[in-house]
Amino acid sequence: MTKNSTISGPEEASFQFAPGAVKDATKGMKSADLWKVPVNRLRIKEGFNPRVMTAGYKARIRSICDSIKANGFYADQPLAGYVARENGESFVIITNGHTRYAALQMAIAEGAEIEVVPVVTKPNGTSMSDLTVALVTSNSGAPLTPYEVAVVCKRLIGYQMTEDEIATRIGVSKTQVKNYLTLMSAPHEIHQLVIDEKVSATLAIETYRRHGTEAVAL
């Protein structure tokens, strides 16, 4: 390499952005349903979040909580939710961003003064299958584990989606969908081994296919 050679790449590059006018940049575009929603108007649907409360997941919530306490809730990382009404009260059910919501609640419990957060609302008429698919496709944080994706696949089967449809919607092969559903049909003991990362999902699926329920004892 000669002295005049340069290395181009994200590590060496420096960037500068000239500020512009938001109205000009978004001229002709439709406004997204992004709202500043009071925290006390947010709800979660018990069991909707497929995340498993492992030690690693708890640590991630703790880390995000500390970030929120230090820097506030980032406006460019909104939650997503569905506007619902019950007993004359309107509120937003969180459909994406459960980890950040849990961290937000923890931060508030520990003294953070946050009253409103950004939320993108889902259009009226969005189906439960659409909301469930989004748990995989719209996840902007840590990817779901294979077991958690398997939970989503099983739920989508319950919404009368075919294996082909599930594969297309969540962006995996039909073989992967079959594997996920096989894992979900295995005994709870096998699920727990996968959740605890004592065996991989792939090994658990292969062993269960070969040995059935006897795989638990292997």
C-alpha atoms as a PDB file:
ATOM      1  CA  MET A   1       0.000   0.000   0.000  1.00  0.00           C
ATOM      2  CA  THR A   2       1.455   3.391  -0.984  1.00  0.00           C
ATOM      3  CA  LYS A   3       1.556   6.446   1.211  1.00  0.00           C
ATOM      4  CA  ASN A   4      -1.171   8.045  -0.878  1.00  0.00           C
ATOM      5  CA  SER A   5      -3.529   5.101  -0.509  1.00  0.00           C
ATOM      6  CA  THR A   6      -6.593   5.632   1.613  1.00  0.00           C
ATOM      7  CA  ILE A   7      -8.811   3.231   3.435  1.00  0.00           C
ATOM      8  CA  SER A   8     -12.492   3.905   3.028  1.00  0.00           C
ATOM      9  CA  GLY A   9     -14.952   2.422   5.457  1.00  0.00           C
ATOM     10  CA  PRO A  10     -17.280   3.293   8.320  1.00  0.00           C
ATOM     11  CA  GLU A  11     -14.427   3.143  10.819  1.00  0.00           C
ATOM     12  CA  GLU A  12     -12.475   5.930   9.130  1.00  0.00           C
ATOM     13  CA  ALA A  13     -15.259   8.047   7.676  1.00  0.00           C
ATOM     14  CA  SER A  14     -16.471  11.212   9.346  1.00  0.00           C
ATOM     15  CA  PHE A  15     -19.923  12.589   8.797  1.00  0.00           C
ATOM     16  CA  GLN A  16     -21.600  15.944   9.041  1.00  0.00           C
ATOM     17  CA  PHE A  17     -25.261  16.655   8.531  1.00  0.00           C
ATOM     18  CA  ALA A  18     -26.579  20.080   7.680  1.00  0.00           C
ATOM     19  CA  PRO A  19     -29.842  20.766   9.517  1.00  0.00           C
ATOM     20  CA  GLY A  20     -32.914  21.055   7.319  1.00  0.00           C
ATOM     21  CA  ALA A  21     -36.562  21.914   7.689  1.00  0.00           C
ATOM     22  CA  VAL A  22     -38.789  19.009   8.661  1.00  0.00           C
ATOM     23  CA  LYS A  23     -41.773  20.470   6.796  1.00  0.00           C
ATOM     24  CA  ASP A  24     -39.773  20.679   3.571  1.00  0.00           C
ATOM     25  CA  ALA A  25     -38.371  17.187   3.937  1.00  0.00           C
ATOM     26  CA  THR A  26     -41.799  15.680   4.531  1.00  0.00           C
ATOM     27  CA  LYS A  27     -43.697  17.744   1.959  1.00  0.00           C
ATOM     28  CA  GLY A  28     -46.275  15.584   0.195  1.00  0.00           C
ATOM     29  CA  MET A  29     -45.893  12.761   2.703  1.00  0.00           C
ATOM     30  CA  LYS A  30     -48.615  11.505   4.973  1.00  0.00           C
ATOM     31  CA  SER A  31     -48.104  11.952   8.679  1.00  0.00           C
ATOM     32  CA  ALA A  32     -47.581   8.757  10.652  1.00  0.00           C
ATOM     33  CA  ASP A  33     -49.780   8.202  13.667  1.00  0.00           C
ATOM     34  CA  LEU A  34     -47.043   9.140  16.114  1.00  0.00           C
ATOM     35  CA  TRP A  35     -48.330  10.431  19.416  1.00  0.00           C
ATOM     36  CA  LYS A  36     -47.005  11.582  22.736  1.00  0.00           C
ATOM     37  CA  VAL A  37     -48.972   9.279  25.015  1.00  0.00           C
ATOM     38  CA  PRO A  38     -49.212   9.659  28.815  1.00  0.00           C
ATOM     39  CA  VAL A  39     -47.544   6.693  30.485  1.00  0.00           C
ATOM     40  CA  ASN A  40     -50.670   6.059  32.551  1.00  0.00           C
ATOM     41  CA  ARG A  41     -52.595   5.450  29.312  1.00  0.00           C
ATOM     42  CA  LEU A  42     -50.355   2.569  28.293  1.00  0.00           C
ATOM     43  CA  ARG A  43     -51.277  -1.057  28.946  1.00  0.00           C
ATOM     44  CA  ILE A  44     -49.846  -4.482  28.231  1.00  0.00           C
ATOM     45  CA  LYS A  45     -51.821  -7.605  27.368  1.00  0.00           C
ATOM     46  CA  GLU A  46     -50.640 -10.359  29.675  1.00  0.00           C
ATOM     47  CA  GLY A  47     -49.107 -13.193  27.651  1.00  0.00           C
ATOM     48  CA  PHE A  48     -48.920 -11.299  24.336  1.00  0.00           C
ATOM     49  CA  ASN A  49     -45.183 -10.684  24.586  1.00  0.00           C
ATOM     50  CA  PRO A  50     -43.434 -13.959  23.625  1.00  0.00           C
ATOM     51  CA  ARG A  51     -40.253 -13.037  25.492  1.00  0.00           C
ATOM     52  CA  VAL A  52     -39.218 -15.436  28.238  1.00  0.00           C
ATOM     53  CA  MET A  53     -38.137 -13.765  31.483  1.00  0.00           C
ATOM     54  CA  THR A  54     -34.651 -15.259  31.607  1.00  0.00           C
ATOM     55  CA  ALA A  55     -31.735 -13.783  33.533  1.00  0.00           C
ATOM     56  CA  GLY A  56     -30.383 -12.382  30.274  1.00  0.00           C
ATOM     57  CA  TYR A  57     -33.677 -10.697  29.444  1.00  0.00           C
ATOM     58  CA  LYS A  58     -33.899  -9.207  32.929  1.00  0.00           C
ATOM     59  CA  ALA A  59     -30.371  -7.861  32.504  1.00  0.00           C
ATOM     60  CA  ARG A  60     -31.369  -6.225  29.216  1.00  0.00           C
ATOM     61  CA  ILE A  61     -34.338  -4.535  30.909  1.00  0.00           C
ATOM     62  CA  ARG A  62     -31.997  -3.327  33.649  1.00  0.00           C
ATOM     63  CA  SER A  63     -29.559  -1.905  31.087  1.00  0.00           C
ATOM     64  CA  ILE A  64     -32.270  -0.043  29.183  1.00  0.00           C
ATOM     65  CA  CYS A  65     -33.727   1.220  32.457  1.00  0.00           C
ATOM     66  CA  ASP A  66     -30.346   2.710  33.413  1.00  0.00           C
ATOM     67  CA  SER A  67     -30.131   4.350  29.985  1.00  0.00           C
ATOM     68  CA  ILE A  68     -33.599   5.867  30.356  1.00  0.00           C
ATOM     69  CA  LYS A  69     -32.701   7.210  33.792  1.00  0.00           C
ATOM     70  CA  ALA A  70     -29.527   8.779  32.420  1.00  0.00           C
ATOM     71  CA  ASN A  71     -30.746  10.007  29.028  1.00  0.00           C
ATOM     72  CA  GLY A  72     -34.555   9.951  29.075  1.00  0.00           C
ATOM     73  CA  PHE A  73     -36.783   7.953  26.738  1.00  0.00           C
ATOM     74  CA  TYR A  74     -35.424   8.395  23.224  1.00  0.00           C
ATOM     75  CA  ALA A  75     -37.995  10.108  21.001  1.00  0.00           C
ATOM     76  CA  ASP A  76     -36.659   8.315  17.901  1.00  0.00           C
ATOM     77  CA  GLN A  77     -37.387   4.891  19.398  1.00  0.00           C
ATOM     78  CA  PRO A  78     -41.172   4.960  19.853  1.00  0.00           C
ATOM     79  CA  LEU A  79     -43.264   2.158  21.216  1.00  0.00           C
ATOM     80  CA  ALA A  80     -46.006   0.705  19.023  1.00  0.00           C
ATOM     81  CA  GLY A  81     -49.513   0.048  20.192  1.00  0.00           C
ATOM     82  CA  TYR A  82     -53.144  -0.520  19.392  1.00  0.00           C
ATOM     83  CA  VAL A  83     -55.772   1.909  20.614  1.00  0.00           C
ATOM     84  CA  ALA A  84     -58.445   0.050  22.562  1.00  0.00           C
ATOM     85  CA  ARG A  85     -61.476   1.022  24.578  1.00  0.00           C
ATOM     86  CA  GLU A  86     -62.943  -0.726  27.591  1.00  0.00           C
ATOM     87  CA  ASN A  87     -65.468   0.391  30.206  1.00  0.00           C
ATOM     88  CA  GLY A  88     -65.637   3.818  28.617  1.00  0.00           C
ATOM     89  CA  GLU A  89     -61.862   4.337  28.826  1.00  0.00           C
ATOM     90  CA  SER A  90     -59.503   4.630  25.854  1.00  0.00           C
ATOM     91  CA  PHE A  91     -55.928   3.443  26.212  1.00  0.00           C
ATOM     92  CA  VAL A  92     -53.047   2.031  24.172  1.00  0.00           C
ATOM     93  CA  ILE A  93     -52.095  -1.642  24.374  1.00  0.00           C
ATOM     94  CA  ILE A  94     -48.367  -2.093  23.720  1.00  0.00           C
ATOM     95  CA  THR A  95     -47.810  -4.403  20.733  1.00  0.00           C
ATOM     96  CA  ASN A  96     -44.106  -3.735  20.099  1.00  0.00           C
ATOM     97  CA  GLY A  97     -41.494  -2.431  22.496  1.00  0.00           C
ATOM     98  CA  HIS A  98     -42.328  -4.562  25.527  1.00  0.00           C
ATOM     99  CA  THR A  99     -38.712  -4.541  26.716  1.00  0.00           C
ATOM    100  CA  ARG A 100     -38.480  -0.752  26.579  1.00  0.00           C
ATOM    101  CA  TYR A 101     -41.865  -0.476  28.279  1.00  0.00           C
ATOM    102  CA  ALA A 102     -40.728  -2.761  31.111  1.00  0.00           C
ATOM    103  CA  ALA A 103     -37.543  -0.694  31.433  1.00  0.00           C
ATOM    104  CA  LEU A 104     -39.611   2.505  31.417  1.00  0.00           C
ATOM    105  CA  GLN A 105     -41.799   1.223  34.240  1.00  0.00           C
ATOM    106  CA  MET A 106     -38.710   0.240  36.227  1.00  0.00           C
ATOM    107  CA  ALA A 107     -37.116   3.648  35.660  1.00  0.00           C
ATOM    108  CA  ILE A 108     -40.249   5.450  36.831  1.00  0.00           C
ATOM    109  CA  ALA A 109     -40.431   3.218  39.908  1.00  0.00           C
ATOM    110  CA  GLU A 110     -36.846   4.236  40.645  1.00  0.00           C
ATOM    111  CA  GLY A 111     -37.582   7.937  40.423  1.00  0.00           C
ATOM    112  CA  ALA A 112     -37.395   8.892  36.737  1.00  0.00           C
ATOM    113  CA  GLU A 113     -39.872  11.673  36.002  1.00  0.00           C
ATOM    114  CA  ILE A 114     -41.298  10.662  32.627  1.00  0.00           C
ATOM    115  CA  GLU A 115     -44.947  11.467  31.946  1.00  0.00           C
ATOM    116  CA  VAL A 116     -45.296  10.931  28.179  1.00  0.00           C
ATOM    117  CA  VAL A 117     -43.517   8.744  25.608  1.00  0.00           C
ATOM    118  CA  PRO A 118     -43.691   8.496  21.792  1.00  0.00           C
ATOM    119  CA  VAL A 119     -46.018   5.803  20.475  1.00  0.00           C
ATOM    120  CA  VAL A 120     -46.863   4.797  16.918  1.00  0.00           C
ATOM    121  CA  THR A 121     -50.437   3.564  16.815  1.00  0.00           C
ATOM    122  CA  LYS A 122     -51.610   0.705  14.618  1.00  0.00           C
ATOM    123  CA  PRO A 123     -54.430   1.428  12.153  1.00  0.00           C
ATOM    124  CA  ASN A 124     -57.957   0.461  13.120  1.00  0.00           C
ATOM    125  CA  GLY A 125     -58.771  -2.933  11.683  1.00  0.00           C
ATOM    126  CA  THR A 126     -55.290  -4.367  12.222  1.00  0.00           C
ATOM    127  CA  SER A 127     -55.827  -8.072  12.885  1.00  0.00           C
ATOM    128  CA  MET A 128     -54.409 -10.065  15.768  1.00  0.00           C
ATOM    129  CA  SER A 129     -52.441 -12.137  13.270  1.00  0.00           C
ATOM    130  CA  ASP A 130     -50.892  -8.913  11.898  1.00  0.00           C
ATOM    131  CA  LEU A 131     -49.993  -7.780  15.412  1.00  0.00           C
ATOM    132  CA  THR A 132     -48.497 -11.195  16.158  1.00  0.00           C
ATOM    133  CA  VAL A 133     -46.431 -11.266  12.952  1.00  0.00           C
ATOM    134  CA  ALA A 134     -45.075  -7.828  13.898  1.00  0.00           C
ATOM    135  CA  LEU A 135     -43.605  -9.308  17.093  1.00  0.00           C
ATOM    136  CA  VAL A 136     -40.999 -10.856  14.780  1.00  0.00           C
ATOM    137  CA  THR A 137     -40.832  -8.518  11.781  1.00  0.00           C
ATOM    138  CA  SER A 138     -41.046  -5.167  13.580  1.00  0.00           C
ATOM    139  CA  ASN A 139     -38.761  -6.028  16.458  1.00  0.00           C
ATOM    140  CA  SER A 140     -36.051  -3.346  16.582  1.00  0.00           C
ATOM    141  CA  GLY A 141     -34.259  -4.653  19.660  1.00  0.00           C
ATOM    142  CA  ALA A 142     -32.595  -7.974  20.375  1.00  0.00           C
ATOM    143  CA  PRO A 143     -33.968 -10.666  18.030  1.00  0.00           C
ATOM    144  CA  LEU A 144     -36.396 -13.189  19.465  1.00  0.00           C
ATOM    145  CA  THR A 145     -34.810 -16.481  20.442  1.00  0.00           C
ATOM    146  CA  PRO A 146     -35.707 -19.592  18.400  1.00  0.00           C
ATOM    147  CA  TYR A 147     -38.029 -20.689  21.196  1.00  0.00           C
ATOM    148  CA  GLU A 148     -39.775 -17.303  21.229  1.00  0.00           C
ATOM    149  CA  VAL A 149     -40.218 -17.381  17.435  1.00  0.00           C
ATOM    150  CA  ALA A 150     -41.650 -20.876  17.850  1.00  0.00           C
ATOM    151  CA  VAL A 151     -44.207 -19.461  20.297  1.00  0.00           C
ATOM    152  CA  VAL A 152     -45.217 -16.897  17.657  1.00  0.00           C
ATOM    153  CA  CYS A 153     -45.548 -19.588  14.987  1.00  0.00           C
ATOM    154  CA  LYS A 154     -47.795 -21.709  17.182  1.00  0.00           C
ATOM    155  CA  ARG A 155     -49.945 -18.662  17.923  1.00  0.00           C
ATOM    156  CA  LEU A 156     -50.279 -17.897  14.193  1.00  0.00           C
ATOM    157  CA  ILE A 157     -51.397 -21.474  13.530  1.00  0.00           C
ATOM    158  CA  GLY A 158     -54.120 -20.771  16.089  1.00  0.00           C
ATOM    159  CA  TYR A 159     -55.144 -17.780  13.953  1.00  0.00           C
ATOM    160  CA  GLN A 160     -55.701 -20.226  11.068  1.00  0.00           C
ATOM    161  CA  MET A 161     -52.597 -19.236   9.120  1.00  0.00           C
ATOM    162  CA  THR A 162     -50.959 -21.982   7.049  1.00  0.00           C
ATOM    163  CA  GLU A 163     -47.298 -22.912   7.387  1.00  0.00           C
ATOM    164  CA  ASP A 164     -46.631 -21.359   3.968  1.00  0.00           C
ATOM    165  CA  GLU A 165     -48.297 -18.106   5.035  1.00  0.00           C
ATOM    166  CA  ILE A 166     -46.348 -17.995   8.295  1.00  0.00           C
ATOM    167  CA  ALA A 167     -43.069 -18.587   6.459  1.00  0.00           C
ATOM    168  CA  THR A 168     -43.800 -15.743   4.041  1.00  0.00           C
ATOM    169  CA  ARG A 169     -45.024 -13.320   6.694  1.00  0.00           C
ATOM    170  CA  ILE A 170     -42.149 -13.735   9.160  1.00  0.00           C
ATOM    171  CA  GLY A 171     -39.464 -14.203   6.514  1.00  0.00           C
ATOM    172  CA  VAL A 172     -38.258 -17.747   7.129  1.00  0.00           C
ATOM    173  CA  SER A 173     -38.439 -20.999   5.174  1.00  0.00           C
ATOM    174  CA  LYS A 174     -41.336 -23.415   5.465  1.00  0.00           C
ATOM    175  CA  THR A 175     -38.859 -25.964   6.856  1.00  0.00           C
ATOM    176  CA  GLN A 176     -37.996 -23.569   9.660  1.00  0.00           C
ATOM    177  CA  VAL A 177     -41.678 -23.094  10.449  1.00  0.00           C
ATOM    178  CA  LYS A 178     -42.108 -26.870  10.630  1.00  0.00           C
ATOM    179  CA  ASN A 179     -39.110 -27.059  12.954  1.00  0.00           C
ATOM    180  CA  TYR A 180     -40.529 -24.352  15.215  1.00  0.00           C
ATOM    181  CA  LEU A 181     -43.871 -26.145  15.415  1.00  0.00           C
ATOM    182  CA  THR A 182     -42.104 -29.431  16.174  1.00  0.00           C
ATOM    183  CA  LEU A 183     -40.310 -27.732  19.053  1.00  0.00           C
ATOM    184  CA  MET A 184     -43.613 -26.428  20.409  1.00  0.00           C
ATOM    185  CA  SER A 185     -45.091 -29.951  20.320  1.00  0.00           C
ATOM    186  CA  ALA A 186     -42.247 -31.276  22.477  1.00  0.00           C
ATOM    187  CA  PRO A 187     -42.656 -31.766  26.249  1.00  0.00           C
ATOM    188  CA  HIS A 188     -42.163 -28.840  28.601  1.00  0.00           C
ATOM    189  CA  GLU A 189     -38.899 -30.322  29.878  1.00  0.00           C
ATOM    190  CA  ILE A 190     -37.394 -29.942  26.389  1.00  0.00           C
ATOM    191  CA  HIS A 191     -38.699 -26.380  26.156  1.00  0.00           C
ATOM    192  CA  GLN A 192     -36.956 -25.556  29.407  1.00  0.00           C
ATOM    193  CA  LEU A 193     -33.643 -27.017  28.224  1.00  0.00           C
ATOM    194  CA  VAL A 194     -33.802 -24.753  25.171  1.00  0.00           C
ATOM    195  CA  ILE A 195     -34.861 -21.706  27.219  1.00  0.00           C
ATOM    196  CA  ASP A 196     -31.989 -22.310  29.668  1.00  0.00           C
ATOM    197  CA  GLU A 197     -29.619 -22.697  26.670  1.00  0.00           C
ATOM    198  CA  LYS A 198     -28.535 -26.116  27.888  1.00  0.00           C
ATOM    199  CA  VAL A 199     -29.233 -27.482  24.399  1.00  0.00           C
ATOM    200  CA  SER A 200     -29.740 -25.673  21.113  1.00  0.00           C
ATOM    201  CA  ALA A 201     -33.161 -25.508  19.509  1.00  0.00           C
ATOM    202  CA  THR A 202     -31.759 -27.431  16.519  1.00  0.00           C
ATOM    203  CA  LEU A 203     -30.480 -30.299  18.675  1.00  0.00           C
ATOM    204  CA  ALA A 204     -33.701 -30.392  20.688  1.00  0.00           C
ATOM    205  CA  ILE A 205     -35.803 -30.634  17.523  1.00  0.00           C
ATOM    206  CA  GLU A 206     -33.611 -33.358  15.964  1.00  0.00           C
ATOM    207  CA  THR A 207     -33.554 -35.409  19.169  1.00  0.00           C
ATOM    208  CA  TYR A 208     -37.295 -35.103  19.692  1.00  0.00           C
ATOM    209  CA  ARG A 209     -37.986 -36.199  16.117  1.00  0.00           C
ATOM    210  CA  ARG A 210     -35.819 -39.285  16.565  1.00  0.00           C
ATOM    211  CA  HIS A 211     -36.836 -40.334  20.066  1.00  0.00           C
ATOM    212  CA  GLY A 212     -40.201 -38.665  20.777  1.00  0.00           C
ATOM    213  CA  THR A 213     -40.986 -38.130  24.454  1.00  0.00           C
ATOM    214  CA  GLU A 214     -38.083 -40.425  25.380  1.00  0.00           C
ATOM    215  CA  ALA A 215     -35.790 -37.543  24.352  1.00  0.00           C
ATOM    216  CA  VAL A 216     -36.385 -36.008  27.769  1.00  0.00           C
ATOM    217  CA  ALA A 217     -34.351 -38.754  29.406  1.00  0.00           C
ATOM    218  CA  LEU A 218     -31.440 -38.579  26.982  1.00  0.00           C
END
